[in-house]
């Protein structure tokens, strides 16, 4: 089913429901955490969820190589879409990444949805000597890095040479080439500029629980209004207009099937993070959405009250970082069996 055009006539029916996880693991036993992530992806498929997305975490106890993990997931699933939200391109060589993405997309049967972002690597001054010891000061961490990736994935030349040399055959484009992957590339943006740029490139747009407050009056706006302005700017710049794909990634935790101890832990997690939502934070003036925790009926009512939610028909709700496997199992089960149906969503077959 294609995306529903943005007519401004009210909420879109929820077409795609997915989840996003950091893939937390214990440094003393990293395999167990990675296996837990693969288990959640398999559970998501059994529940009929449409997509599973992995965050990208470097030098932390979260998945540092989501493309490798998703390669494993392709062999354990048959239907669920697999994405990254997002891969920061400052850590990547676009040519090598294009090869990896195409390979995993082929293995998945065309289910990969790579999400990317730009900017210098986190803690740049501390990692530059390990990451780019000779070229750090010359590296471009802007949009051109994404353009290179887009061109390479689309099959444009990567080399001036193609043909046979001895017994070796060389291609001038990335191999394998995966038709359709270019149309499934997403940009994760939190500013008006990035939203417009992603639309101009004909990409899809990931908007999360963090946006930038921009302009002298932005601090007087709430998160919902700012996020809606980004969605509208993206679609205004996109060749498909209102039909351009946008996925929203708020933290949404249904408690219908949770135990009393789980509910208390979830609510405390949201309370501890609430103060940062009351005003723009830091030099970048970041605005954070409140985490939504509670019974599915309350969550559905709250989501439908948000203009930004009503403007999309795809979501990938983010799982909190620090919970246990059984917590995530309960949350995913409630998303699929309680909250999703209240939002008009139907599980995939």
Protein backbone atom coordinates (compact mmCIF):
# COMPACT_ATOMS: atom_id res chain seq x y z
CA UNK A 1 0.00 0.00 0.00
CA UNK A 2 1.49 3.39 -0.96
CA UNK A 3 1.78 6.26 1.52
CA UNK A 4 -1.39 8.28 2.04
CA UNK A 5 -1.10 11.81 0.54
CA UNK A 6 -1.00 14.69 3.01
CA UNK A 7 -4.35 16.36 2.48
CA UNK A 8 -4.57 18.10 5.85
CA UNK A 9 -7.99 16.48 6.33
CA UNK A 10 -7.18 14.74 9.62
CA UNK A 11 -5.13 11.85 10.97
CA UNK A 12 -3.81 9.27 8.53
CA UNK A 13 -4.56 5.62 9.30
CA UNK A 14 -1.43 4.03 10.77
CA UNK A 15 0.02 2.03 7.90
CA UNK A 16 3.35 0.82 9.30
CA UNK A 17 4.24 0.08 12.93
CA UNK A 18 7.81 -0.70 13.90
CA UNK A 19 10.27 -0.39 16.75
CA UNK A 20 13.76 0.97 17.35
CA UNK A 21 16.35 -0.41 19.77
CA UNK A 22 19.88 0.45 20.83
CA UNK A 23 20.84 -3.23 21.24
CA UNK A 24 22.27 -2.87 24.74
CA UNK A 25 24.82 -5.47 25.87
CA UNK A 26 27.07 -6.30 28.81
CA UNK A 27 30.74 -5.74 27.98
CA UNK A 28 31.60 -8.98 29.81
CA UNK A 29 29.15 -10.98 27.65
CA UNK A 30 28.42 -9.07 24.44
CA UNK A 31 27.08 -12.07 22.55
CA UNK A 32 24.08 -12.39 24.85
CA UNK A 33 23.00 -8.80 24.19
CA UNK A 34 23.38 -9.16 20.44
CA UNK A 35 21.36 -12.39 20.53
CA UNK A 36 18.66 -10.60 22.54
CA UNK A 37 18.42 -8.00 19.77
CA UNK A 38 18.05 -10.69 17.11
CA UNK A 39 15.40 -12.36 19.28
CA UNK A 40 13.43 -9.09 19.43
CA UNK A 41 13.54 -8.75 15.66
CA UNK A 42 12.23 -12.32 15.30
CA UNK A 43 9.50 -11.57 17.86
CA UNK A 44 8.56 -8.41 15.99
CA UNK A 45 8.07 -10.43 12.82
CA UNK A 46 5.92 -13.01 14.61
CA UNK A 47 3.76 -10.23 16.04
CA UNK A 48 3.21 -8.78 12.57
CA UNK A 49 5.21 -5.59 13.13
CA UNK A 50 6.34 -3.93 9.91
CA UNK A 51 9.87 -2.87 10.77
CA UNK A 52 12.77 -3.22 13.20
CA UNK A 53 15.39 -0.47 13.40
CA UNK A 54 18.79 -0.45 15.11
CA UNK A 55 20.52 2.58 16.53
CA UNK A 56 24.22 3.06 15.84
CA UNK A 57 26.47 3.41 18.89
CA UNK A 58 30.26 3.75 18.61
CA UNK A 59 32.54 3.12 21.62
CA UNK A 60 29.49 2.39 23.78
CA UNK A 61 27.73 -0.74 25.01
CA UNK A 62 25.21 -0.64 22.19
CA UNK A 63 25.37 -2.02 18.67
CA UNK A 64 28.32 -0.48 16.83
CA UNK A 65 27.74 -2.38 13.58
CA UNK A 66 23.99 -2.57 12.90
CA UNK A 67 24.53 -3.53 9.27
CA UNK A 68 26.36 -6.68 10.41
CA UNK A 69 23.61 -7.49 12.92
CA UNK A 70 20.95 -6.92 10.30
CA UNK A 71 22.80 -9.31 7.98
CA UNK A 72 22.27 -11.98 10.64
CA UNK A 73 18.63 -10.90 10.99
CA UNK A 74 18.03 -11.45 7.27
CA UNK A 75 18.69 -15.15 7.82
CA UNK A 76 16.28 -15.42 10.76
CA UNK A 77 13.34 -13.51 9.24
CA UNK A 78 11.48 -13.46 5.96
CA UNK A 79 9.19 -10.41 5.96
CA UNK A 80 9.93 -7.67 8.50
CA UNK A 81 11.73 -4.59 7.15
CA UNK A 82 15.16 -3.90 8.67
CA UNK A 83 16.57 -0.42 9.17
CA UNK A 84 19.25 1.73 10.77
CA UNK A 85 18.16 4.85 12.64
CA UNK A 86 20.61 6.21 12.09
CA UNK A 87 24.09 5.51 10.78
CA UNK A 88 26.24 8.65 11.32
CA UNK A 89 28.19 8.95 8.08
CA UNK A 90 31.10 10.73 9.74
CA UNK A 91 32.25 7.29 10.86
CA UNK A 92 31.84 5.69 7.42
CA UNK A 93 33.45 5.51 4.00
CA UNK A 94 30.47 5.91 1.64
CA UNK A 95 31.86 3.48 -0.95
CA UNK A 96 32.44 0.69 1.57
CA UNK A 97 29.12 1.36 3.24
CA UNK A 98 27.34 1.21 -0.12
CA UNK A 99 28.83 -2.26 -0.70
CA UNK A 100 27.72 -3.47 2.73
CA UNK A 101 24.21 -2.04 2.38
CA UNK A 102 23.71 -3.57 -1.06
CA UNK A 103 24.95 -6.95 0.17
CA UNK A 104 22.57 -7.00 3.13
CA UNK A 105 19.70 -5.77 0.97
CA UNK A 106 20.28 -8.64 -1.46
CA UNK A 107 20.39 -11.12 1.43
CA UNK A 108 17.14 -9.70 2.82
CA UNK A 109 15.27 -9.83 -0.46
CA UNK A 110 14.93 -6.05 -0.61
CA UNK A 111 13.93 -5.32 3.00
CA UNK A 112 16.72 -2.98 4.07
CA UNK A 113 15.91 0.64 5.02
CA UNK A 114 19.19 2.43 5.77
CA UNK A 115 18.86 5.65 7.71
CA UNK A 116 21.81 8.06 7.80
CA UNK A 117 22.81 11.43 9.23
CA UNK A 118 25.71 13.86 8.90
CA UNK A 119 27.99 15.80 11.20
CA UNK A 120 31.38 15.20 12.84
CA UNK A 121 31.73 12.02 14.91
CA UNK A 122 30.79 12.38 18.58
CA UNK A 123 33.84 13.34 20.68
CA UNK A 124 35.61 14.19 17.42
CA UNK A 125 38.79 15.55 19.00
CA UNK A 126 39.16 12.36 21.04
CA UNK A 127 38.64 9.88 18.20
CA UNK A 128 40.02 11.70 15.13
CA UNK A 129 43.51 10.21 15.49
CA UNK A 130 42.08 6.69 15.46
CA UNK A 131 39.42 7.26 12.82
CA UNK A 132 41.18 9.59 10.35
CA UNK A 133 44.80 9.92 11.53
CA UNK A 134 46.04 11.45 8.27
CA UNK A 135 42.96 13.13 6.79
CA UNK A 136 40.91 14.31 9.76
CA UNK A 137 41.27 17.99 9.01
CA UNK A 138 40.31 17.46 5.36
CA UNK A 139 37.25 15.25 5.88
CA UNK A 140 33.87 16.66 4.82
CA UNK A 141 31.15 15.76 7.31
CA UNK A 142 28.35 17.59 5.51
CA UNK A 143 25.63 16.66 3.05
CA UNK A 144 28.09 15.82 0.26
CA UNK A 145 28.90 12.63 2.14
CA UNK A 146 25.26 11.58 1.80
CA UNK A 147 25.21 12.54 -1.88
CA UNK A 148 28.18 10.24 -2.48
CA UNK A 149 26.35 7.38 -0.78
CA UNK A 150 23.16 8.04 -2.75
CA UNK A 151 25.01 8.05 -6.05
CA UNK A 152 26.95 4.88 -5.26
CA UNK A 153 23.86 2.98 -4.11
CA UNK A 154 22.02 4.11 -7.24
CA UNK A 155 24.72 2.53 -9.40
CA UNK A 156 26.59 5.59 -10.62
CA UNK A 157 30.29 5.05 -11.41
CA UNK A 158 32.61 4.40 -8.49
CA UNK A 159 35.69 3.87 -10.64
CA UNK A 160 37.07 5.11 -13.93
CA UNK A 161 38.00 1.53 -14.85
CA UNK A 162 35.81 -1.37 -15.87
CA UNK A 163 36.60 -4.43 -17.95
CA UNK A 164 38.88 -7.45 -17.85
CA UNK A 165 42.41 -7.40 -16.56
CA UNK A 166 44.04 -10.81 -16.88
CA UNK A 167 41.45 -13.21 -15.53
CA UNK A 168 39.81 -10.60 -13.27
CA UNK A 169 36.62 -8.78 -14.27
CA UNK A 170 36.01 -5.33 -12.80
CA UNK A 171 32.85 -3.25 -12.62
CA UNK A 172 32.76 0.53 -12.52
CA UNK A 173 29.85 0.52 -10.06
CA UNK A 174 29.27 -0.94 -6.60
CA UNK A 175 28.71 -4.68 -6.58
CA UNK A 176 26.35 -6.18 -5.84
CA UNK A 177 23.93 -3.61 -7.20
CA UNK A 178 20.55 -3.77 -5.48
CA UNK A 179 17.77 -2.14 -7.52
CA UNK A 180 15.30 -0.27 -5.34
CA UNK A 181 17.67 0.34 -2.43
CA UNK A 182 18.12 4.01 -3.36
CA UNK A 183 14.38 4.56 -2.85
CA UNK A 184 14.62 3.04 0.64
CA UNK A 185 17.30 5.37 1.96
CA UNK A 186 16.23 7.61 4.86
CA UNK A 187 17.65 10.77 6.33
CA UNK A 188 17.43 11.31 10.08
CA UNK A 189 17.02 15.03 10.64
CA UNK A 190 16.08 17.35 13.47
CA UNK A 191 16.22 20.77 11.80
CA UNK A 192 14.30 22.64 9.11
CA UNK A 193 17.40 22.73 6.94
CA UNK A 194 17.90 18.96 7.08
CA UNK A 195 14.20 18.33 6.47
CA UNK A 196 14.23 20.48 3.35
CA UNK A 197 17.50 19.00 2.12
CA UNK A 198 16.25 15.42 2.53
CA UNK A 199 13.13 16.30 0.57
CA UNK A 200 15.15 17.89 -2.23
CA UNK A 201 17.19 14.68 -2.55
CA UNK A 202 14.06 12.54 -2.80
CA UNK A 203 14.96 10.62 0.36
CA UNK A 204 12.60 9.38 3.05
CA UNK A 205 12.58 11.25 6.37
CA UNK A 206 13.09 9.97 9.92
CA UNK A 207 11.99 12.34 12.65
CA UNK A 208 12.61 11.31 16.25
CA UNK A 209 12.03 12.51 19.80
CA UNK A 210 14.70 15.22 19.38
CA UNK A 211 14.38 18.39 17.23
CA UNK A 212 16.13 21.76 17.13
CA UNK A 213 14.47 24.96 18.29
CA UNK A 214 15.32 27.46 15.55
CA UNK A 215 14.59 31.15 15.21
CA UNK A 216 13.93 33.80 17.86
CA UNK A 217 10.43 32.53 18.62
CA UNK A 218 11.13 28.78 18.50
CA UNK A 219 11.49 28.53 22.27
CA UNK A 220 7.85 29.60 22.59
CA UNK A 221 6.71 26.67 20.45
CA UNK A 222 6.20 23.17 21.78
CA UNK A 223 7.90 20.05 20.46
CA UNK A 224 4.85 18.99 18.48
CA UNK A 225 4.64 22.26 16.55
CA UNK A 226 8.35 22.20 15.69
CA UNK A 227 8.22 18.59 14.52
CA UNK A 228 5.16 19.29 12.39
CA UNK A 229 7.00 22.20 10.73
CA UNK A 230 9.83 19.81 9.80
CA UNK A 231 7.44 17.27 8.29
CA UNK A 232 5.73 19.96 6.23
CA UNK A 233 9.07 21.45 5.08
CA UNK A 234 10.27 17.99 4.00
CA UNK A 235 7.16 17.24 1.97
CA UNK A 236 7.09 20.72 0.44
CA UNK A 237 10.58 20.10 -0.94
CA UNK A 238 10.04 16.47 -2.00
CA UNK A 239 9.06 15.52 -5.56
CA UNK A 240 6.23 13.35 -4.15
CA UNK A 241 4.85 16.15 -2.02
CA UNK A 242 2.35 14.95 0.55
CA UNK A 243 2.93 11.31 -0.37
CA UNK A 244 6.62 11.41 0.64
CA UNK A 245 7.41 8.92 3.39
CA UNK A 246 7.97 10.15 6.95
CA UNK A 247 8.45 7.90 9.98
CA UNK A 248 8.08 9.24 13.52
CA UNK A 249 10.18 7.75 16.34
CA UNK A 250 8.83 8.79 19.74
CA UNK A 251 9.43 6.78 22.93
CA UNK A 252 6.09 5.02 23.48
CA UNK A 253 5.72 2.36 26.22
CA UNK A 254 2.34 0.62 26.65
CA UNK A 255 1.78 -0.93 30.07
CA UNK A 256 -1.31 -3.10 29.47
CA UNK A 257 0.53 -6.39 29.98
CA UNK A 258 3.18 -5.06 32.37
CA UNK A 259 3.57 -6.21 35.96
CA UNK A 260 3.34 -3.69 38.78
CA UNK A 261 7.14 -3.67 39.06
CA UNK A 262 7.53 -3.07 35.33
CA UNK A 263 5.01 -0.22 35.33
CA UNK A 264 6.82 1.46 38.23
CA UNK A 265 10.17 1.13 36.46
CA UNK A 266 8.79 2.51 33.18
CA UNK A 267 7.13 5.45 34.89
CA UNK A 268 10.28 6.30 36.83
CA UNK A 269 12.31 6.21 33.61
CA UNK A 270 9.93 8.72 32.01
CA UNK A 271 9.86 10.94 35.12
CA UNK A 272 13.65 11.13 35.26
CA UNK A 273 13.79 12.32 31.64
CA UNK A 274 10.89 14.77 31.85
CA UNK A 275 12.81 17.89 33.02
CA UNK A 276 14.76 18.07 29.74
CA UNK A 277 11.48 18.44 27.82
CA UNK A 278 10.50 21.75 29.43
CA UNK A 279 12.85 24.05 27.50
CA UNK A 280 15.46 23.92 24.72
CA UNK A 281 18.67 22.26 25.92
CA UNK A 282 22.31 23.19 25.33
CA UNK A 283 24.00 25.34 22.67
CA UNK A 284 22.18 23.44 19.91
CA UNK A 285 18.82 24.29 21.56
CA UNK A 286 17.55 20.73 21.37
CA UNK A 287 13.91 20.05 22.18
CA UNK A 288 12.97 16.63 23.55
CA UNK A 289 9.55 14.99 23.41
CA UNK A 290 8.19 13.55 26.65
CA UNK A 291 8.26 9.77 26.85
CA UNK A 292 4.74 8.36 26.62
CA UNK A 293 4.02 5.63 29.18
CA UNK A 294 0.66 4.15 30.14
CA UNK A 295 -2.28 1.98 29.05
CA UNK A 296 -2.79 1.77 25.31
CA UNK A 297 -6.10 3.64 25.36
CA UNK A 298 -4.40 6.63 26.99
CA UNK A 299 -1.44 6.42 24.63
CA UNK A 300 -3.69 6.33 21.56
CA UNK A 301 -5.58 9.38 22.80
CA UNK A 302 -2.32 11.22 23.45
CA UNK A 303 -0.82 10.34 20.07
CA UNK A 304 -3.94 11.37 18.18
CA UNK A 305 -3.81 14.74 19.94
CA UNK A 306 -0.39 15.43 18.36
CA UNK A 307 -0.49 17.26 15.03
CA UNK A 308 2.87 15.75 14.09
CA UNK A 309 1.58 12.21 14.64
CA UNK A 310 -1.56 12.95 12.65
CA UNK A 311 0.66 13.98 9.71
CA UNK A 312 2.36 10.57 9.37
CA UNK A 313 1.25 7.03 8.64
CA UNK A 314 4.47 5.27 9.70
CA UNK A 315 6.05 5.03 13.16
CA UNK A 316 9.04 3.26 14.67
CA UNK A 317 8.55 3.69 18.40
CA UNK A 318 11.84 3.77 20.32
CA UNK A 319 12.45 1.29 23.13
CA UNK A 320 14.03 2.81 26.27
CA UNK A 321 17.74 2.12 26.53
CA UNK A 322 18.10 0.38 29.88
CA UNK A 323 15.36 -2.24 30.19
CA UNK A 324 15.62 -6.03 30.22
CA UNK A 325 14.71 -8.49 27.47
CA UNK A 326 11.44 -9.48 29.17
CA UNK A 327 10.46 -5.80 29.38
CA UNK A 328 11.00 -5.35 25.65
CA UNK A 329 9.00 -8.51 24.93
CA UNK A 330 6.04 -7.13 26.90
CA UNK A 331 6.29 -3.71 25.23
CA UNK A 332 6.43 -5.15 21.70
CA UNK A 333 3.55 -7.50 22.44
CA UNK A 334 1.39 -4.64 23.71
CA UNK A 335 2.37 -2.45 20.75
CA UNK A 336 1.20 -5.13 18.33
CA UNK A 337 -1.86 -6.44 20.14
CA UNK A 338 -3.18 -3.40 22.06
CA UNK A 339 -1.91 -0.01 20.89
CA UNK A 340 -1.53 -0.70 17.17
CA UNK A 341 -5.15 -1.77 16.63
CA UNK A 342 -6.38 1.30 18.54
CA UNK A 343 -4.47 3.42 16.01
CA UNK A 344 -6.09 1.65 13.06
CA UNK A 345 -3.07 -0.54 12.33
CA UNK A 346 -3.28 -4.13 11.17
CA UNK A 347 -0.48 -6.68 11.63
CA UNK A 348 1.32 -7.86 8.54
CA UNK A 349 0.64 -11.41 7.41
